Amino acid sequence: MHNSTVIRLVNGRLAWYAPGTSDEPRWLDEAEARDSLYAAMAEQRMVLCFAAPGADVRLLRLSLSSEEKKHIGKSLPFMLEERVAEDIDELHFASVALDKLDLGVAVCSIERMEAWQSELADYPGIRLWLPEPLLLPWRNGEWCIVLEGEDAIVRFDQCGGFTVERALLPAMLAGLSVDQPEPGAVIFYGRDQAADTALLPEHLQAKIQWRRGNLASALLLGETPQPTLNLLQGDFAVRLPVARWWREWRAVAAVFALAFGLQLVAT
């Protein structure tokens, strides 16, 4: 994500990360940082991305048959009903094709999506909402872990990852080791190498490549994931502002129609 401006929630506060820099986040409840972002947005030369908190988004991989794929737009929530605890009517589902018969799926509550919309209301033009773990740099056969305060952000697959409390990381990684192929390397961003390494299951500790840094450091090496699992789908898809365009151009359209009518009469 080194070529994108990332906006995210950190302990309930909106912050933004400028592209191509490992600086600490700039807090959008501070006037100077907010004005700086507005100025950058006015230049319209950057990709704006909202990093949806990984603790609120569940990432899944779903294999389909050819027949199931034909109707996936309507049937996806029902196909995952057994894999989620909440009522599917209260959930938002976004998906992306990973190959012919595999889907990457993100699931989060409609309530959280609406809350994020409210948080971002003062920053129009954000057309890309990505689950936070998918911002981390990743290569096939690697896992990437970033410690951020009391949380750990983990990416282990093209469309696989989660955010969890630091204290729960050892148990989550132990479970991940059972469900996923063992990685060839674990890229780990943190502050204390000995303490960070101790969070990994023993059989993975020899594979750790520890780096001093945080999420901003990891973003320098990350790319916008392809294919892109954008949460702005379905009822939350970005709509073209047709009504506003019509209000702005209807006077011009009326003059053009009148001129065209006079031309027809003259002819």
Protein backbone atom coordinates (compact mmCIF):
# COMPACT_ATOMS: atom_id res chain seq x y z
CA MET A 1 0.00 0.00 0.00
CA HIS A 2 3.01 2.28 -0.47
CA ASN A 3 1.13 4.07 -3.28
CA SER A 4 -2.09 4.67 -1.32
CA THR A 5 -3.27 6.99 1.41
CA VAL A 6 -4.65 4.79 4.16
CA ILE A 7 -7.28 5.94 6.66
CA ARG A 8 -7.99 3.72 9.65
CA LEU A 9 -9.46 3.67 13.13
CA VAL A 10 -6.96 3.37 15.97
CA ASN A 11 -8.51 3.02 19.42
CA GLY A 12 -11.62 4.80 18.18
CA ARG A 13 -9.71 7.69 16.54
CA LEU A 14 -9.43 8.23 12.80
CA ALA A 15 -5.87 8.49 11.54
CA TRP A 16 -4.26 8.66 8.13
CA TYR A 17 -0.99 7.40 6.70
CA ALA A 18 0.62 9.27 3.82
CA PRO A 19 1.84 7.09 0.93
CA GLY A 20 5.52 6.23 0.77
CA THR A 21 6.37 7.15 4.34
CA SER A 22 6.91 5.24 7.57
CA ASP A 23 5.87 8.21 9.74
CA GLU A 24 3.53 7.74 12.65
CA PRO A 25 -0.18 8.19 11.79
CA ARG A 26 -1.66 11.66 11.69
CA TRP A 27 -4.75 12.05 13.85
CA LEU A 28 -7.78 13.44 12.06
CA ASP A 29 -9.24 14.97 15.22
CA GLU A 30 -6.34 17.46 15.01
CA ALA A 31 -6.92 20.41 12.69
CA GLU A 32 -3.45 20.42 11.13
CA ALA A 33 -3.59 16.74 10.16
CA ARG A 34 -7.14 17.12 8.86
CA ASP A 35 -6.22 20.12 6.70
CA SER A 36 -3.18 18.25 5.40
CA LEU A 37 -5.38 15.35 4.27
CA TYR A 38 -7.89 17.71 2.62
CA ALA A 39 -5.03 19.34 0.70
CA ALA A 40 -3.76 15.94 -0.44
CA MET A 41 -7.27 14.90 -1.49
CA ALA A 42 -7.69 18.10 -3.51
CA GLU A 43 -4.71 17.13 -5.66
CA GLN A 44 -6.60 13.99 -6.73
CA ARG A 45 -3.37 12.15 -7.47
CA MET A 46 -3.63 9.39 -4.91
CA VAL A 47 -5.68 6.32 -4.10
CA LEU A 48 -7.68 6.68 -0.89
CA CYS A 49 -8.23 3.50 1.09
CA PHE A 50 -10.12 2.89 4.32
CA ALA A 51 -8.67 0.01 6.36
CA ALA A 52 -11.67 -1.67 7.94
CA PRO A 53 -10.71 -2.92 11.43
CA GLY A 54 -9.70 -6.56 11.18
CA ALA A 55 -11.38 -7.41 14.49
CA ASP A 56 -14.75 -6.52 12.91
CA VAL A 57 -14.30 -8.31 9.57
CA ARG A 58 -14.14 -12.06 9.12
CA LEU A 59 -12.25 -13.32 6.07
CA LEU A 60 -13.21 -16.65 4.49
CA ARG A 61 -12.33 -18.71 1.43
CA LEU A 62 -15.20 -20.47 -0.31
CA SER A 63 -14.97 -23.19 -2.97
CA LEU A 64 -17.88 -23.42 -5.42
CA SER A 65 -19.25 -25.74 -8.03
CA SER A 66 -19.90 -24.39 -11.54
CA GLU A 67 -23.65 -24.37 -10.85
CA GLU A 68 -23.25 -22.53 -7.54
CA LYS A 69 -21.13 -19.86 -9.16
CA LYS A 70 -23.95 -18.91 -11.55
CA HIS A 71 -26.17 -17.75 -8.68
CA ILE A 72 -23.56 -16.61 -6.19
CA GLY A 73 -24.79 -13.01 -6.09
CA LYS A 74 -28.05 -14.00 -4.40
CA SER A 75 -27.06 -17.23 -2.65
CA LEU A 76 -23.78 -16.26 -0.93
CA PRO A 77 -25.31 -15.33 2.47
CA PHE A 78 -27.26 -18.60 2.60
CA MET A 79 -24.18 -20.64 1.66
CA LEU A 80 -22.34 -19.19 4.67
CA GLU A 81 -25.25 -19.28 7.11
CA GLU A 82 -23.80 -22.31 8.95
CA ARG A 83 -20.38 -20.64 9.30
CA VAL A 84 -21.53 -17.46 11.02
CA ALA A 85 -23.11 -17.04 14.43
CA GLU A 86 -25.17 -13.94 13.62
CA ASP A 87 -28.42 -13.65 11.67
CA ILE A 88 -27.45 -13.29 8.00
CA ASP A 89 -29.98 -10.45 7.62
CA GLU A 90 -27.79 -8.40 9.96
CA LEU A 91 -24.58 -9.10 8.03
CA HIS A 92 -22.90 -7.57 5.00
CA PHE A 93 -21.12 -9.90 2.56
CA ALA A 94 -18.47 -8.87 0.03
CA SER A 95 -16.65 -11.24 -2.28
CA VAL A 96 -14.02 -11.45 -5.01
CA ALA A 97 -13.10 -14.26 -7.39
CA LEU A 98 -9.68 -15.71 -6.54
CA ASP A 99 -9.82 -18.19 -9.43
CA LYS A 100 -12.52 -19.94 -11.46
CA LEU A 101 -14.22 -21.67 -8.54
CA ASP A 102 -12.78 -20.03 -5.42
CA LEU A 103 -14.08 -16.90 -3.73
CA GLY A 104 -12.53 -14.67 -1.13
CA VAL A 105 -15.30 -13.46 1.19
CA ALA A 106 -15.45 -10.74 3.84
CA VAL A 107 -18.26 -10.71 6.40
CA CYS A 108 -19.08 -7.93 8.85
CA SER A 109 -22.16 -6.48 10.46
CA ILE A 110 -24.32 -3.97 8.62
CA GLU A 111 -24.26 -1.91 11.81
CA ARG A 112 -20.45 -1.60 11.63
CA MET A 113 -20.57 -0.66 7.93
CA GLU A 114 -23.06 2.10 8.70
CA ALA A 115 -20.96 3.31 11.63
CA TRP A 116 -17.88 3.53 9.39
CA GLN A 117 -19.86 5.47 6.82
CA SER A 118 -20.70 8.01 9.52
CA GLU A 119 -17.07 8.20 10.67
CA LEU A 120 -15.92 8.89 7.10
CA ALA A 121 -18.70 11.30 6.14
CA ASP A 122 -16.29 14.27 6.16
CA TYR A 123 -13.90 12.54 3.74
CA PRO A 124 -15.77 11.86 0.48
CA GLY A 125 -14.13 10.06 -2.39
CA ILE A 126 -12.96 6.93 -0.57
CA ARG A 127 -13.96 4.22 -3.02
CA LEU A 128 -11.86 1.40 -1.57
CA TRP A 129 -12.57 -0.24 1.79
CA LEU A 130 -10.16 -3.09 2.49
CA PRO A 131 -10.09 -5.43 5.48
CA GLU A 132 -7.10 -4.30 7.54
CA PRO A 133 -5.14 -7.60 7.38
CA LEU A 134 -5.07 -7.48 3.57
CA LEU A 135 -2.99 -4.29 3.69
CA LEU A 136 0.00 -6.24 4.98
CA PRO A 137 2.70 -7.31 2.53
CA TRP A 138 2.36 -10.98 1.62
CA ARG A 139 3.96 -13.56 -0.64
CA ASN A 140 2.98 -17.16 -1.23
CA GLY A 141 4.41 -19.36 1.51
CA GLU A 142 4.77 -16.52 4.02
CA TRP A 143 2.84 -15.18 6.98
CA CYS A 144 3.06 -11.56 8.03
CA ILE A 145 2.42 -10.31 11.58
CA VAL A 146 2.39 -6.71 12.80
CA LEU A 147 2.11 -5.78 16.48
CA GLU A 148 0.18 -2.54 17.02
CA GLY A 149 -0.16 -1.63 20.69
CA GLU A 150 -2.21 -4.37 22.33
CA ASP A 151 -3.32 -5.84 18.99
CA ALA A 152 -1.72 -8.12 16.42
CA ILE A 153 -2.62 -7.99 12.71
CA VAL A 154 -1.98 -11.23 10.82
CA ARG A 155 -2.06 -12.10 7.13
CA PHE A 156 -1.47 -15.70 6.11
CA ASP A 157 -3.00 -16.04 2.65
CA GLN A 158 -4.05 -14.17 -0.46
CA CYS A 159 -7.37 -13.50 1.22
CA GLY A 160 -6.77 -14.72 4.75
CA GLY A 161 -6.03 -12.82 7.93
CA PHE A 162 -7.35 -11.46 11.19
CA THR A 163 -6.76 -8.90 13.94
CA VAL A 164 -6.64 -10.17 17.50
CA GLU A 165 -5.58 -9.06 20.94
CA ARG A 166 -1.88 -9.64 21.51
CA ALA A 167 -2.59 -11.97 24.45
CA LEU A 168 -4.62 -14.26 22.16
CA LEU A 169 -2.04 -14.38 19.37
CA PRO A 170 -0.24 -17.59 20.51
CA ALA A 171 -3.52 -19.56 20.60
CA MET A 172 -4.65 -18.15 17.24
CA LEU A 173 -1.32 -19.04 15.60
CA ALA A 174 -1.42 -22.53 17.09
CA GLY A 175 -4.85 -23.06 15.55
CA LEU A 176 -3.72 -21.55 12.27
CA SER A 177 -0.80 -24.00 12.16
CA VAL A 178 -3.30 -26.87 12.24
CA ASP A 179 -5.56 -25.46 9.51
CA GLN A 180 -2.99 -23.97 7.13
CA PRO A 181 0.18 -25.26 5.43
CA GLU A 182 3.28 -24.42 7.43
CA PRO A 183 4.86 -21.22 6.11
CA GLY A 184 8.39 -21.00 4.82
CA ALA A 185 8.87 -17.70 6.65
CA VAL A 186 7.07 -15.55 9.21
CA ILE A 187 7.69 -11.82 8.69
CA PHE A 188 7.21 -10.12 12.05
CA TYR A 189 7.09 -6.35 12.72
CA GLY A 190 7.47 -5.40 16.38
CA ARG A 191 9.51 -3.59 19.04
CA ASP A 192 11.04 -6.30 21.23
CA GLN A 193 12.53 -9.21 19.30
CA ALA A 194 12.77 -11.65 22.22
CA ALA A 195 9.23 -10.97 23.48
CA ASP A 196 7.77 -10.99 19.98
CA THR A 197 9.44 -14.26 19.01
CA ALA A 198 8.08 -15.91 22.16
CA LEU A 199 4.53 -15.34 20.87
CA LEU A 200 5.03 -17.87 18.07
CA PRO A 201 4.59 -21.62 18.46
CA GLU A 202 7.96 -23.26 19.00
CA HIS A 203 8.02 -24.99 15.61
CA LEU A 204 7.73 -21.59 13.86
CA GLN A 205 10.32 -19.66 15.83
CA ALA A 206 13.19 -20.74 13.58
CA LYS A 207 11.30 -19.29 10.59
CA ILE A 208 10.77 -15.81 11.97
CA GLN A 209 12.23 -12.82 10.12
CA TRP A 210 11.89 -10.11 12.73
CA ARG A 211 11.88 -6.43 11.75
CA ARG A 212 11.70 -3.40 13.99
CA GLY A 213 8.65 -1.44 12.92
CA ASN A 214 4.90 -1.03 12.96
CA LEU A 215 2.01 -0.95 10.51
CA ALA A 216 3.40 2.15 8.78
CA SER A 217 6.62 0.21 8.14
CA ALA A 218 4.70 -2.73 6.71
CA LEU A 219 2.61 -0.48 4.45
CA LEU A 220 5.79 0.66 2.70
CA LEU A 221 6.19 -2.86 1.29
CA GLY A 222 2.55 -3.72 0.72
CA GLU A 223 0.68 -3.54 -2.58
CA THR A 224 -3.04 -3.13 -3.17
CA PRO A 225 -4.13 -6.78 -3.12
CA GLN A 226 -5.12 -8.24 -6.47
CA PRO A 227 -7.82 -9.31 -6.86
CA THR A 228 -9.23 -6.65 -4.56
CA LEU A 229 -11.76 -7.56 -1.87
CA ASN A 230 -13.52 -4.21 -1.63
CA LEU A 231 -16.18 -4.06 1.10
CA LEU A 232 -18.10 -1.44 -0.89
CA GLN A 233 -20.44 -3.87 -2.61
CA GLY A 234 -24.17 -4.49 -2.70
CA ASP A 235 -26.11 -1.90 -0.69
CA PHE A 236 -22.83 -0.15 0.13
CA ALA A 237 -21.50 0.04 -3.43
CA VAL A 238 -20.30 3.45 -4.61
CA ARG A 239 -23.07 5.11 -6.64
CA LEU A 240 -22.54 7.63 -9.40
CA PRO A 241 -23.99 11.00 -8.31
CA VAL A 242 -26.47 11.11 -11.20
CA ALA A 243 -28.98 13.29 -9.31
CA ARG A 244 -26.34 15.88 -8.47
CA TRP A 245 -25.03 15.88 -12.03
CA TRP A 246 -28.56 16.48 -13.32
CA ARG A 247 -29.10 19.41 -10.95
CA GLU A 248 -25.86 20.99 -12.12
CA TRP A 249 -26.41 20.45 -15.86
CA ARG A 250 -30.17 20.63 -16.36
CA ALA A 251 -30.06 24.36 -17.22
CA VAL A 252 -27.47 23.65 -19.91
CA ALA A 253 -29.57 20.73 -21.16
CA ALA A 254 -32.66 22.97 -21.35
CA VAL A 255 -30.82 25.61 -23.41
CA PHE A 256 -29.46 22.93 -25.71
CA ALA A 257 -32.94 21.42 -26.17
CA LEU A 258 -34.41 24.86 -26.96
CA ALA A 259 -31.66 25.59 -29.49
CA PHE A 260 -32.13 22.20 -31.09
CA GLY A 261 -35.90 22.79 -31.34
CA LEU A 262 -35.41 26.21 -32.96
CA GLN A 263 -32.99 24.67 -35.42
CA LEU A 264 -35.59 22.08 -36.38
CA VAL A 265 -38.26 24.78 -36.88
CA ALA A 266 -35.90 26.90 -38.99
CA THR A 267 -35.00 23.92 -41.12
